[in-house]
Amino acid sequence: MNLEQLASFVEVADTGHFTKAAATLHLAQPSLSRQISTLEKELGAELFHRARGHITLTAAGAALLPTARRMLADAEAIRLDMDELAGLRQGRVRLGATPTLCVSLVAEALSRFHAEHPGIELEVVEKGSRELVEALGAGQLDLALITRTVDLGAQTPRLQMQEVLREDLVVITACDDGGDVSDDGEAGARGGGAGAGLARTDTITLAEVAARPQVVFHHGYDLREATSAAFEAAGLTPDVVVAGVEMDAAIRFVERGLGLAIVPAMVLVHRPRLRSIRLVDPGLSRIVSLASRADVRPTAAASAMERMVLSTARTLAAEDSELARYVRMEV
């Protein structure tokens, strides 16, 4: 028994006529008659009372009809579901990302993706790179945007890594916190905050950052671990004014003039109240990669999200002149 036979049976039952049913199904009448006969043999029961010019259902045919309609409806529903998935009109993407990427690249990519594919359900998991790698390996994510400033552990070989960009870590301060510097080296009338004296500075050393009030992230945060290691390697102890925060809070505190912060360059996207200064001696950078399972075929929705993340990264780097100073795209 197949769907074509069931469709023929239902059409004959609805029209009460083999000739009319054959015309509707675009079949030759002998072909339609053979399908019905084959179905009756497979079921072991006659489905129609055949009289010249008048076809009626037998008891077996009447019993089969609602089931046949339901089976055909289910098959059509499955076909529509598959068509919608292929056309990206429904589905789900589970994307993991680090907090610094969630407030920059991911926010931009998801906004654009949703505008193009509003029927796709988006699930975002915000964690550190190590935790994202574990979640990806456990099948809890389709894709993960991770940073490679830290050792990601033994699961990395099981994953497929695609480099998205390389970005510098930069020092940020409030735009109105630059402050003029008088001849005696003191901050002038326009401000004496954490960024005093930096209004015309293009670069800043790690030692100079350590000597100024600083906002730092919580322990275990990938960025905190990377910067702490840099200070320790240089024999420096930073002047921490606020510690233990997430990225959103750190940016807000910097905008309010509480201190400087070392952040990835992508954080500068749509942040007009922040001013960036290049970190030198030493300069710090990180690699942003898009990770997926090497042993799992991606869904159509996941593949579309991958393309969107990559194109968004390229667009942001090309359109934002300040960001372009610090970001290098993988070609």
C-alpha atoms as a PDB file:
ATOM      1  CA  MET A   1       0.000   0.000   0.000  1.00  0.00           C
ATOM      2  CA  ASN A   2       1.339   3.426  -0.918  1.00  0.00           C
ATOM      3  CA  LEU A   3       0.204   7.041  -0.834  1.00  0.00           C
ATOM      4  CA  GLU A   4      -0.575   7.112  -4.541  1.00  0.00           C
ATOM      5  CA  GLN A   5      -2.989   4.179  -4.133  1.00  0.00           C
ATOM      6  CA  LEU A   6      -4.670   5.855  -1.157  1.00  0.00           C
ATOM      7  CA  ALA A   7      -5.032   9.124  -3.087  1.00  0.00           C
ATOM      8  CA  SER A   8      -6.671   7.239  -5.961  1.00  0.00           C
ATOM      9  CA  PHE A   9      -9.032   5.457  -3.564  1.00  0.00           C
ATOM     10  CA  VAL A  10     -10.122   8.716  -1.901  1.00  0.00           C
ATOM     11  CA  GLU A  11     -10.712  10.434  -5.253  1.00  0.00           C
ATOM     12  CA  VAL A  12     -12.877   7.589  -6.535  1.00  0.00           C
ATOM     13  CA  ALA A  13     -14.819   7.587  -3.265  1.00  0.00           C
ATOM     14  CA  ASP A  14     -15.368  11.357  -3.515  1.00  0.00           C
ATOM     15  CA  THR A  15     -16.420  11.406  -7.197  1.00  0.00           C
ATOM     16  CA  GLY A  16     -18.215   8.045  -7.308  1.00  0.00           C
ATOM     17  CA  HIS A  17     -16.782   7.556 -10.782  1.00  0.00           C
ATOM     18  CA  PHE A  18     -13.547   6.069 -12.118  1.00  0.00           C
ATOM     19  CA  THR A  19     -13.450   8.240 -15.244  1.00  0.00           C
ATOM     20  CA  LYS A  20     -13.888  11.510 -13.355  1.00  0.00           C
ATOM     21  CA  ALA A  21     -11.329  10.448 -10.713  1.00  0.00           C
ATOM     22  CA  ALA A  22      -8.786   9.533 -13.400  1.00  0.00           C
ATOM     23  CA  ALA A  23      -9.188  12.939 -15.039  1.00  0.00           C
ATOM     24  CA  THR A  24      -8.701  14.746 -11.723  1.00  0.00           C
ATOM     25  CA  LEU A  25      -5.587  12.712 -10.928  1.00  0.00           C
ATOM     26  CA  HIS A  26      -4.249  13.060 -14.496  1.00  0.00           C
ATOM     27  CA  LEU A  27      -4.143   9.292 -14.887  1.00  0.00           C
ATOM     28  CA  ALA A  28      -5.332   6.976 -17.621  1.00  0.00           C
ATOM     29  CA  GLN A  29      -8.427   5.121 -16.403  1.00  0.00           C
ATOM     30  CA  PRO A  30      -6.785   1.662 -16.782  1.00  0.00           C
ATOM     31  CA  SER A  31      -3.909   2.818 -14.561  1.00  0.00           C
ATOM     32  CA  LEU A  32      -6.345   4.053 -11.915  1.00  0.00           C
ATOM     33  CA  SER A  33      -8.286   0.804 -12.071  1.00  0.00           C
ATOM     34  CA  ARG A  34      -5.060  -1.193 -11.594  1.00  0.00           C
ATOM     35  CA  GLN A  35      -4.106   0.878  -8.529  1.00  0.00           C
ATOM     36  CA  ILE A  36      -7.483   0.243  -6.902  1.00  0.00           C
ATOM     37  CA  SER A  37      -7.353  -3.472  -7.753  1.00  0.00           C
ATOM     38  CA  THR A  38      -3.817  -3.777  -6.316  1.00  0.00           C
ATOM     39  CA  LEU A  39      -4.913  -1.998  -3.137  1.00  0.00           C
ATOM     40  CA  GLU A  40      -7.889  -4.335  -2.734  1.00  0.00           C
ATOM     41  CA  LYS A  41      -5.648  -7.387  -3.162  1.00  0.00           C
ATOM     42  CA  GLU A  42      -3.151  -6.083  -0.584  1.00  0.00           C
ATOM     43  CA  LEU A  43      -5.961  -5.403   1.898  1.00  0.00           C
ATOM     44  CA  GLY A  44      -7.841  -8.605   1.081  1.00  0.00           C
ATOM     45  CA  ALA A  45     -11.165  -6.829   0.684  1.00  0.00           C
ATOM     46  CA  GLU A  46     -13.226  -5.149  -2.019  1.00  0.00           C
ATOM     47  CA  LEU A  47     -13.501  -1.408  -1.487  1.00  0.00           C
ATOM     48  CA  PHE A  48     -16.197  -0.506  -4.058  1.00  0.00           C
ATOM     49  CA  HIS A  49     -19.458  -1.907  -5.336  1.00  0.00           C
ATOM     50  CA  ARG A  50     -19.009  -1.550  -9.091  1.00  0.00           C
ATOM     51  CA  ALA A  51     -22.140  -0.923 -11.142  1.00  0.00           C
ATOM     52  CA  ARG A  52     -22.354   0.705 -14.554  1.00  0.00           C
ATOM     53  CA  GLY A  53     -22.320   4.441 -13.972  1.00  0.00           C
ATOM     54  CA  HIS A  54     -22.566   4.098 -10.202  1.00  0.00           C
ATOM     55  CA  ILE A  55     -19.726   3.367  -7.736  1.00  0.00           C
ATOM     56  CA  THR A  56     -20.397   3.018  -3.989  1.00  0.00           C
ATOM     57  CA  LEU A  57     -18.224   2.066  -1.020  1.00  0.00           C
ATOM     58  CA  THR A  58     -18.384  -1.380   0.519  1.00  0.00           C
ATOM     59  CA  ALA A  59     -18.248  -1.726   4.308  1.00  0.00           C
ATOM     60  CA  ALA A  60     -14.473  -2.208   4.034  1.00  0.00           C
ATOM     61  CA  GLY A  61     -14.178   0.901   1.840  1.00  0.00           C
ATOM     62  CA  ALA A  62     -16.214   2.981   4.282  1.00  0.00           C
ATOM     63  CA  ALA A  63     -13.972   1.827   7.139  1.00  0.00           C
ATOM     64  CA  LEU A  64     -10.814   2.664   5.201  1.00  0.00           C
ATOM     65  CA  LEU A  65     -11.883   6.129   3.986  1.00  0.00           C
ATOM     66  CA  PRO A  66     -11.312   8.197   7.193  1.00  0.00           C
ATOM     67  CA  THR A  67      -7.997   6.474   7.812  1.00  0.00           C
ATOM     68  CA  ALA A  68      -6.890   7.095   4.244  1.00  0.00           C
ATOM     69  CA  ARG A  69      -7.823  10.775   4.510  1.00  0.00           C
ATOM     70  CA  ARG A  70      -5.838  11.083   7.742  1.00  0.00           C
ATOM     71  CA  MET A  71      -2.783   9.369   6.282  1.00  0.00           C
ATOM     72  CA  LEU A  72      -2.819  11.647   3.237  1.00  0.00           C
ATOM     73  CA  ALA A  73      -3.231  14.722   5.454  1.00  0.00           C
ATOM     74  CA  ASP A  74      -0.290  13.613   7.616  1.00  0.00           C
ATOM     75  CA  ALA A  75       1.846  13.078   4.535  1.00  0.00           C
ATOM     76  CA  GLU A  76       0.997  16.562   3.273  1.00  0.00           C
ATOM     77  CA  ALA A  77       1.823  18.073   6.666  1.00  0.00           C
ATOM     78  CA  ILE A  78       5.212  16.359   6.617  1.00  0.00           C
ATOM     79  CA  ARG A  79       5.849  17.609   3.101  1.00  0.00           C
ATOM     80  CA  LEU A  80       4.999  21.182   4.128  1.00  0.00           C
ATOM     81  CA  ASP A  81       7.240  20.934   7.184  1.00  0.00           C
ATOM     82  CA  MET A  82      10.151  19.830   5.048  1.00  0.00           C
ATOM     83  CA  ASP A  83       9.464  22.562   2.496  1.00  0.00           C
ATOM     84  CA  GLU A  84       9.408  25.168   5.264  1.00  0.00           C
ATOM     85  CA  LEU A  85      12.641  23.899   6.725  1.00  0.00           C
ATOM     86  CA  ALA A  86      14.279  23.977   3.318  1.00  0.00           C
ATOM     87  CA  GLY A  87      12.959  27.486   2.813  1.00  0.00           C
ATOM     88  CA  LEU A  88      14.035  28.583   6.324  1.00  0.00           C
ATOM     89  CA  ARG A  89      10.491  29.500   7.314  1.00  0.00           C
ATOM     90  CA  GLN A  90      10.635  27.500  10.525  1.00  0.00           C
ATOM     91  CA  GLY A  91      13.158  25.664  12.654  1.00  0.00           C
ATOM     92  CA  ARG A  92      15.516  26.446  15.501  1.00  0.00           C
ATOM     93  CA  VAL A  93      19.113  27.525  15.966  1.00  0.00           C
ATOM     94  CA  ARG A  94      20.941  27.073  19.270  1.00  0.00           C
ATOM     95  CA  LEU A  95      23.847  29.519  19.312  1.00  0.00           C
ATOM     96  CA  GLY A  96      26.336  29.843  22.137  1.00  0.00           C
ATOM     97  CA  ALA A  97      28.597  32.850  22.588  1.00  0.00           C
ATOM     98  CA  THR A  98      30.812  34.496  25.157  1.00  0.00           C
ATOM     99  CA  PRO A  99      29.411  37.563  26.958  1.00  0.00           C
ATOM    100  CA  THR A 100      31.699  39.968  25.102  1.00  0.00           C
ATOM    101  CA  LEU A 101      30.450  38.651  21.767  1.00  0.00           C
ATOM    102  CA  CYS A 102      26.800  38.652  22.876  1.00  0.00           C
ATOM    103  CA  VAL A 103      26.868  42.430  23.359  1.00  0.00           C
ATOM    104  CA  SER A 104      28.523  43.055  19.996  1.00  0.00           C
ATOM    105  CA  LEU A 105      28.739  40.641  17.060  1.00  0.00           C
ATOM    106  CA  VAL A 106      25.949  38.300  18.179  1.00  0.00           C
ATOM    107  CA  ALA A 107      23.480  41.121  18.821  1.00  0.00           C
ATOM    108  CA  GLU A 108      24.053  42.460  15.311  1.00  0.00           C
ATOM    109  CA  ALA A 109      23.955  39.039  13.630  1.00  0.00           C
ATOM    110  CA  LEU A 110      20.770  37.930  15.397  1.00  0.00           C
ATOM    111  CA  SER A 111      18.997  41.157  14.532  1.00  0.00           C
ATOM    112  CA  ARG A 112      19.776  40.689  10.852  1.00  0.00           C
ATOM    113  CA  PHE A 113      19.006  36.953  10.915  1.00  0.00           C
ATOM    114  CA  HIS A 114      15.598  37.491  12.527  1.00  0.00           C
ATOM    115  CA  ALA A 115      14.723  40.141   9.959  1.00  0.00           C
ATOM    116  CA  GLU A 116      15.429  37.658   7.141  1.00  0.00           C
ATOM    117  CA  HIS A 117      14.051  34.511   8.827  1.00  0.00           C
ATOM    118  CA  PRO A 118      11.389  35.546  11.372  1.00  0.00           C
ATOM    119  CA  GLY A 119      10.019  32.000  11.657  1.00  0.00           C
ATOM    120  CA  ILE A 120      13.273  30.538  12.980  1.00  0.00           C
ATOM    121  CA  GLU A 121      13.380  30.187  16.765  1.00  0.00           C
ATOM    122  CA  LEU A 122      16.610  31.568  18.217  1.00  0.00           C
ATOM    123  CA  GLU A 123      18.095  30.169  21.415  1.00  0.00           C
ATOM    124  CA  VAL A 124      21.200  31.910  22.774  1.00  0.00           C
ATOM    125  CA  VAL A 125      23.436  30.511  25.500  1.00  0.00           C
ATOM    126  CA  GLU A 126      25.845  32.993  27.079  1.00  0.00           C
ATOM    127  CA  LYS A 127      28.830  31.325  28.757  1.00  0.00           C
ATOM    128  CA  GLY A 128      32.599  31.214  28.763  1.00  0.00           C
ATOM    129  CA  SER A 129      34.440  29.480  25.937  1.00  0.00           C
ATOM    130  CA  ARG A 130      35.268  26.346  27.936  1.00  0.00           C
ATOM    131  CA  GLU A 131      31.629  25.848  28.932  1.00  0.00           C
ATOM    132  CA  LEU A 132      30.466  26.466  25.368  1.00  0.00           C
ATOM    133  CA  VAL A 133      32.847  23.833  24.044  1.00  0.00           C
ATOM    134  CA  GLU A 134      31.459  21.348  26.563  1.00  0.00           C
ATOM    135  CA  ALA A 135      27.860  22.203  25.637  1.00  0.00           C
ATOM    136  CA  LEU A 136      28.633  21.853  21.933  1.00  0.00           C
ATOM    137  CA  GLY A 137      30.282  18.488  22.492  1.00  0.00           C
ATOM    138  CA  ALA A 138      27.237  17.320  24.473  1.00  0.00           C
ATOM    139  CA  GLY A 139      24.894  18.211  21.611  1.00  0.00           C
ATOM    140  CA  GLN A 140      23.273  21.123  23.461  1.00  0.00           C
ATOM    141  CA  LEU A 141      24.283  23.704  20.839  1.00  0.00           C
ATOM    142  CA  ASP A 142      24.385  23.891  17.050  1.00  0.00           C
ATOM    143  CA  LEU A 143      27.079  26.582  16.893  1.00  0.00           C
ATOM    144  CA  ALA A 144      29.310  28.407  19.347  1.00  0.00           C
ATOM    145  CA  LEU A 145      31.246  31.641  18.977  1.00  0.00           C
ATOM    146  CA  ILE A 146      34.283  31.203  21.159  1.00  0.00           C
ATOM    147  CA  THR A 147      37.501  33.045  21.886  1.00  0.00           C
ATOM    148  CA  ARG A 148      40.866  31.365  21.849  1.00  0.00           C
ATOM    149  CA  THR A 149      42.826  33.317  24.418  1.00  0.00           C
ATOM    150  CA  VAL A 150      42.627  30.295  26.741  1.00  0.00           C
ATOM    151  CA  ASP A 151      43.130  26.525  26.553  1.00  0.00           C
ATOM    152  CA  LEU A 152      39.817  24.989  25.547  1.00  0.00           C
ATOM    153  CA  GLY A 153      40.610  21.489  26.723  1.00  0.00           C
ATOM    154  CA  ALA A 154      40.607  18.011  25.228  1.00  0.00           C
ATOM    155  CA  GLN A 155      37.288  18.315  23.357  1.00  0.00           C
ATOM    156  CA  THR A 156      38.630  20.802  20.808  1.00  0.00           C
ATOM    157  CA  PRO A 157      39.786  18.117  18.293  1.00  0.00           C
ATOM    158  CA  ARG A 158      36.165  16.853  18.080  1.00  0.00           C
ATOM    159  CA  LEU A 159      35.060  20.247  16.835  1.00  0.00           C
ATOM    160  CA  GLN A 160      35.286  22.038  13.537  1.00  0.00           C
ATOM    161  CA  MET A 161      36.752  25.511  14.033  1.00  0.00           C
ATOM    162  CA  GLN A 162      36.320  28.335  11.551  1.00  0.00           C
ATOM    163  CA  GLU A 163      38.231  31.503  12.280  1.00  0.00           C
ATOM    164  CA  VAL A 164      35.940  34.529  12.060  1.00  0.00           C
ATOM    165  CA  LEU A 165      38.282  37.385  12.974  1.00  0.00           C
ATOM    166  CA  ARG A 166      41.267  38.450  15.018  1.00  0.00           C
ATOM    167  CA  GLU A 167      40.749  41.460  17.235  1.00  0.00           C
ATOM    168  CA  ASP A 168      42.944  43.531  19.487  1.00  0.00           C
ATOM    169  CA  LEU A 169      42.120  44.128  23.117  1.00  0.00           C
ATOM    170  CA  VAL A 170      41.762  47.862  23.587  1.00  0.00           C
ATOM    171  CA  VAL A 171      41.534  50.255  26.489  1.00  0.00           C
ATOM    172  CA  ILE A 172      38.261  52.143  26.749  1.00  0.00           C
ATOM    173  CA  THR A 173      37.452  55.335  28.590  1.00  0.00           C
ATOM    174  CA  ALA A 174      34.492  57.705  28.628  1.00  0.00           C
ATOM    175  CA  CYS A 175      34.474  60.152  25.740  1.00  0.00           C
ATOM    176  CA  ASP A 176      34.052  63.130  28.084  1.00  0.00           C
ATOM    177  CA  ASP A 177      36.660  61.849  30.552  1.00  0.00           C
ATOM    178  CA  GLY A 178      39.761  62.755  28.573  1.00  0.00           C
ATOM    179  CA  GLY A 179      40.551  65.924  30.477  1.00  0.00           C
ATOM    180  CA  ASP A 180      43.093  68.476  29.375  1.00  0.00           C
ATOM    181  CA  VAL A 181      46.467  68.338  31.053  1.00  0.00           C
ATOM    182  CA  SER A 182      48.044  71.547  32.327  1.00  0.00           C
ATOM    183  CA  ASP A 183      51.734  72.362  32.196  1.00  0.00           C
ATOM    184  CA  ASP A 184      52.306  70.924  35.660  1.00  0.00           C
ATOM    185  CA  GLY A 185      50.823  67.588  34.595  1.00  0.00           C
ATOM    186  CA  GLU A 186      47.558  67.942  36.522  1.00  0.00           C
ATOM    187  CA  ALA A 187      44.180  67.335  34.942  1.00  0.00           C
ATOM    188  CA  GLY A 188      42.586  70.508  33.726  1.00  0.00           C
ATOM    189  CA  ALA A 189      39.118  71.891  34.091  1.00  0.00           C
ATOM    190  CA  ARG A 190      37.445  69.472  31.702  1.00  0.00           C
ATOM    191  CA  GLY A 191      37.870  66.459  33.927  1.00  0.00           C
ATOM    192  CA  GLY A 192      40.083  64.540  36.290  1.00  0.00           C
ATOM    193  CA  GLY A 193      38.613  61.057  35.950  1.00  0.00           C
ATOM    194  CA  ALA A 194      40.214  57.761  35.050  1.00  0.00           C
ATOM    195  CA  GLY A 195      40.908  58.980  31.516  1.00  0.00           C
ATOM    196  CA  ALA A 196      42.407  62.333  32.498  1.00  0.00           C
ATOM    197  CA  GLY A 197      45.277  63.299  30.225  1.00  0.00           C
ATOM    198  CA  LEU A 198      44.381  60.731  27.554  1.00  0.00           C
ATOM    199  CA  ALA A 199      42.368  62.996  25.256  1.00  0.00           C
ATOM    200  CA  ARG A 200      45.128  63.192  22.647  1.00  0.00           C
ATOM    201  CA  THR A 201      46.719  59.819  23.368  1.00  0.00           C
ATOM    202  CA  ASP A 202      46.628  57.174  20.626  1.00  0.00           C
ATOM    203  CA  THR A 203      48.414  54.425  22.562  1.00  0.00           C
ATOM    204  CA  ILE A 204      48.782  53.370  26.158  1.00  0.00           C
ATOM    205  CA  THR A 205      51.107  50.814  27.742  1.00  0.00           C
ATOM    206  CA  LEU A 206      50.024  48.083  30.104  1.00  0.00           C
ATOM    207  CA  ALA A 207      52.039  49.772  32.860  1.00  0.00           C
ATOM    208  CA  GLU A 208      50.133  53.028  32.292  1.00  0.00           C
ATOM    209  CA  VAL A 209      46.825  51.168  32.459  1.00  0.00           C
ATOM    210  CA  ALA A 210      47.870  49.515  35.726  1.00  0.00           C
ATOM    211  CA  ALA A 211      48.489  52.928  37.292  1.00  0.00           C
ATOM    212  CA  ARG A 212      44.965  54.183  36.586  1.00  0.00           C
ATOM    213  CA  PRO A 213      41.608  53.214  38.163  1.00  0.00           C
ATOM    214  CA  GLN A 214      40.344  50.128  36.368  1.00  0.00           C
ATOM    215  CA  VAL A 215      37.104  48.174  36.032  1.00  0.00           C
ATOM    216  CA  VAL A 216      37.739  44.416  35.807  1.00  0.00           C
ATOM    217  CA  PHE A 217      35.602  41.359  35.213  1.00  0.00           C
ATOM    218  CA  HIS A 218      34.927  38.482  37.559  1.00  0.00           C
ATOM    219  CA  HIS A 219      37.363  35.613  38.067  1.00  0.00           C
ATOM    220  CA  GLY A 220      36.816  32.801  35.590  1.00  0.00           C
ATOM    221  CA  TYR A 221      35.807  35.248  32.851  1.00  0.00           C
ATOM    222  CA  ASP A 222      37.967  34.481  29.793  1.00  0.00           C
ATOM    223  CA  LEU A 223      38.934  38.126  29.374  1.00  0.00           C
ATOM    224  CA  ARG A 224      39.790  38.525  33.070  1.00  0.00           C
ATOM    225  CA  GLU A 225      42.066  35.491  32.940  1.00  0.00           C
ATOM    226  CA  ALA A 226      43.857  36.761  29.822  1.00  0.00           C
ATOM    227  CA  THR A 227      44.448  40.273  31.156  1.00  0.00           C
ATOM    228  CA  SER A 228      45.412  39.067  34.639  1.00  0.00           C
ATOM    229  CA  ALA A 229      48.031  36.808  33.072  1.00  0.00           C
ATOM    230  CA  ALA A 230      49.416  39.786  31.117  1.00  0.00           C
ATOM    231  CA  PHE A 231      49.685  41.975  34.243  1.00  0.00           C
ATOM    232  CA  GLU A 232      51.322  39.148  36.171  1.00  0.00           C
ATOM    233  CA  ALA A 233      53.817  38.436  33.399  1.00  0.00           C
ATOM    234  CA  ALA A 234      54.792  42.131  33.384  1.00  0.00           C
ATOM    235  CA  GLY A 235      55.109  42.240  37.173  1.00  0.00           C
ATOM    236  CA  LEU A 236      52.277  44.766  37.455  1.00  0.00           C
ATOM    237  CA  THR A 237      49.460  45.136  39.964  1.00  0.00           C
ATOM    238  CA  PRO A 238      46.493  47.019  38.505  1.00  0.00           C
ATOM    239  CA  ASP A 239      44.651  49.699  40.456  1.00  0.00           C
ATOM    240  CA  VAL A 240      41.215  48.035  40.576  1.00  0.00           C
ATOM    241  CA  VAL A 241      38.322  50.307  41.488  1.00  0.00           C
ATOM    242  CA  VAL A 242      35.482  47.911  40.566  1.00  0.00           C
ATOM    243  CA  ALA A 243      35.818  44.139  40.221  1.00  0.00           C
ATOM    244  CA  GLY A 244      33.580  41.166  39.533  1.00  0.00           C
ATOM    245  CA  VAL A 245      31.350  42.627  36.808  1.00  0.00           C
ATOM    246  CA  GLU A 246      29.920  41.403  33.505  1.00  0.00           C
ATOM    247  CA  MET A 247      30.493  43.215  30.221  1.00  0.00           C
ATOM    248  CA  ASP A 248      27.325  45.331  30.234  1.00  0.00           C
ATOM    249  CA  ALA A 249      28.088  46.636  33.730  1.00  0.00           C
ATOM    250  CA  ALA A 250      31.757  47.251  32.902  1.00  0.00           C
ATOM    251  CA  ILE A 251      30.822  49.384  29.895  1.00  0.00           C
ATOM    252  CA  ARG A 252      28.326  51.357  31.946  1.00  0.00           C
ATOM    253  CA  PHE A 253      30.851  51.992  34.720  1.00  0.00           C
ATOM    254  CA  VAL A 254      33.438  53.163  32.192  1.00  0.00           C
ATOM    255  CA  GLU A 255      30.905  55.487  30.568  1.00  0.00           C
ATOM    256  CA  ARG A 256      30.262  56.971  34.006  1.00  0.00           C
ATOM    257  CA  GLY A 257      33.959  57.646  34.454  1.00  0.00           C
ATOM    258  CA  LEU A 258      34.688  55.150  37.228  1.00  0.00           C
ATOM    259  CA  GLY A 259      37.712  53.680  35.512  1.00  0.00           C
ATOM    260  CA  LEU A 260      39.336  52.325  32.388  1.00  0.00           C
ATOM    261  CA  ALA A 261      38.707  48.803  31.111  1.00  0.00           C
ATOM    262  CA  ILE A 262      40.475  46.433  28.751  1.00  0.00           C
ATOM    263  CA  VAL A 263      37.939  44.981  26.334  1.00  0.00           C
ATOM    264  CA  PRO A 264      37.821  43.305  22.907  1.00  0.00           C
ATOM    265  CA  ALA A 265      37.563  45.709  20.002  1.00  0.00           C
ATOM    266  CA  MET A 266      34.165  44.363  18.880  1.00  0.00           C
ATOM    267  CA  VAL A 267      32.631  45.893  22.000  1.00  0.00           C
ATOM    268  CA  LEU A 268      33.054  49.306  20.326  1.00  0.00           C
ATOM    269  CA  VAL A 269      30.173  48.610  17.918  1.00  0.00           C
ATOM    270  CA  HIS A 270      27.495  51.319  18.403  1.00  0.00           C
ATOM    271  CA  ARG A 271      29.170  52.702  21.540  1.00  0.00           C
ATOM    272  CA  PRO A 272      29.437  56.455  20.847  1.00  0.00           C
ATOM    273  CA  ARG A 273      30.091  57.263  24.524  1.00  0.00           C
ATOM    274  CA  LEU A 274      33.289  55.228  24.583  1.00  0.00           C
ATOM    275  CA  ARG A 275      36.733  56.221  23.371  1.00  0.00           C
ATOM    276  CA  SER A 276      39.263  53.537  22.512  1.00  0.00           C
ATOM    277  CA  ILE A 277      43.038  53.651  22.917  1.00  0.00           C
ATOM    278  CA  ARG A 278      45.414  51.116  21.429  1.00  0.00           C
ATOM    279  CA  LEU A 279      47.122  48.942  24.043  1.00  0.00           C
ATOM    280  CA  VAL A 280      50.875  48.525  23.474  1.00  0.00           C
ATOM    281  CA  ASP A 281      53.900  47.130  25.276  1.00  0.00           C
ATOM    282  CA  PRO A 282      52.540  44.526  25.166  1.00  0.00           C
ATOM    283  CA  GLY A 283      49.678  44.488  22.714  1.00  0.00           C
ATOM    284  CA  LEU A 284      47.031  41.842  23.403  1.00  0.00           C
ATOM    285  CA  SER A 285      44.715  40.179  20.916  1.00  0.00           C
ATOM    286  CA  ARG A 286      42.433  37.203  20.571  1.00  0.00           C
ATOM    287  CA  ILE A 287      40.974  34.937  17.904  1.00  0.00           C
ATOM    288  CA  VAL A 288      37.197  34.627  17.529  1.00  0.00           C
ATOM    289  CA  SER A 289      36.153  31.304  16.031  1.00  0.00           C
ATOM    290  CA  LEU A 290      32.861  29.710  15.080  1.00  0.00           C
ATOM    291  CA  ALA A 291      32.789  26.142  16.375  1.00  0.00           C
ATOM    292  CA  SER A 292      30.520  23.278  15.366  1.00  0.00           C
ATOM    293  CA  ARG A 293      30.486  19.506  15.748  1.00  0.00           C
ATOM    294  CA  ALA A 294      32.671  17.839  13.136  1.00  0.00           C
ATOM    295  CA  ASP A 295      30.585  14.636  13.293  1.00  0.00           C
ATOM    296  CA  VAL A 296      27.108  16.209  12.958  1.00  0.00           C
ATOM    297  CA  ARG A 297      25.598  17.510   9.727  1.00  0.00           C
ATOM    298  CA  PRO A 298      24.308  21.065  10.310  1.00  0.00           C
ATOM    299  CA  THR A 299      20.654  21.911   9.798  1.00  0.00           C
ATOM    300  CA  ALA A 300      19.633  24.397   7.118  1.00  0.00           C
ATOM    301  CA  ALA A 301      18.911  26.967   9.821  1.00  0.00           C
ATOM    302  CA  ALA A 302      22.318  26.455  11.468  1.00  0.00           C
ATOM    303  CA  SER A 303      24.071  26.832   8.118  1.00  0.00           C
ATOM    304  CA  ALA A 304      22.174  30.066   7.479  1.00  0.00           C
ATOM    305  CA  MET A 305      23.183  31.375  10.902  1.00  0.00           C
ATOM    306  CA  GLU A 306      26.819  30.530  10.194  1.00  0.00           C
ATOM    307  CA  ARG A 307      26.699  32.543   6.978  1.00  0.00           C
ATOM    308  CA  MET A 308      25.005  35.432   8.782  1.00  0.00           C
ATOM    309  CA  VAL A 309      27.638  35.573  11.542  1.00  0.00           C
ATOM    310  CA  LEU A 310      30.461  35.644   9.011  1.00  0.00           C
ATOM    311  CA  SER A 311      28.849  38.272   6.784  1.00  0.00           C
ATOM    312  CA  THR A 312      27.942  40.450   9.783  1.00  0.00           C
ATOM    313  CA  ALA A 313      31.522  40.369  11.049  1.00  0.00           C
ATOM    314  CA  ARG A 314      32.797  41.454   7.634  1.00  0.00           C
ATOM    315  CA  THR A 315      30.211  44.228   7.379  1.00  0.00           C
ATOM    316  CA  LEU A 316      30.934  45.628  10.826  1.00  0.00           C
ATOM    317  CA  ALA A 317      34.677  45.659  10.223  1.00  0.00           C
ATOM    318  CA  ALA A 318      34.214  47.390   6.881  1.00  0.00           C
ATOM    319  CA  GLU A 319      31.679  50.010   7.949  1.00  0.00           C
ATOM    320  CA  ASP A 320      33.093  51.069  11.338  1.00  0.00           C
ATOM    321  CA  SER A 321      36.313  53.033  10.822  1.00  0.00           C
ATOM    322  CA  GLU A 322      37.340  52.849  14.476  1.00  0.00           C
ATOM    323  CA  LEU A 323      36.689  49.123  14.667  1.00  0.00           C
ATOM    324  CA  ALA A 324      38.668  48.588  11.466  1.00  0.00           C
ATOM    325  CA  ARG A 325      41.804  49.792  13.282  1.00  0.00           C
ATOM    326  CA  TYR A 326      41.703  46.768  15.568  1.00  0.00           C
ATOM    327  CA  VAL A 327      40.018  43.940  13.637  1.00  0.00           C
ATOM    328  CA  ARG A 328      41.556  41.669  11.030  1.00  0.00           C
ATOM    329  CA  MET A 329      39.250  39.430   9.063  1.00  0.00           C
ATOM    330  CA  GLU A 330      40.141  35.922   8.014  1.00  0.00           C
ATOM    331  CA  VAL A 331      40.112  35.849   4.214  1.00  0.00           C
END
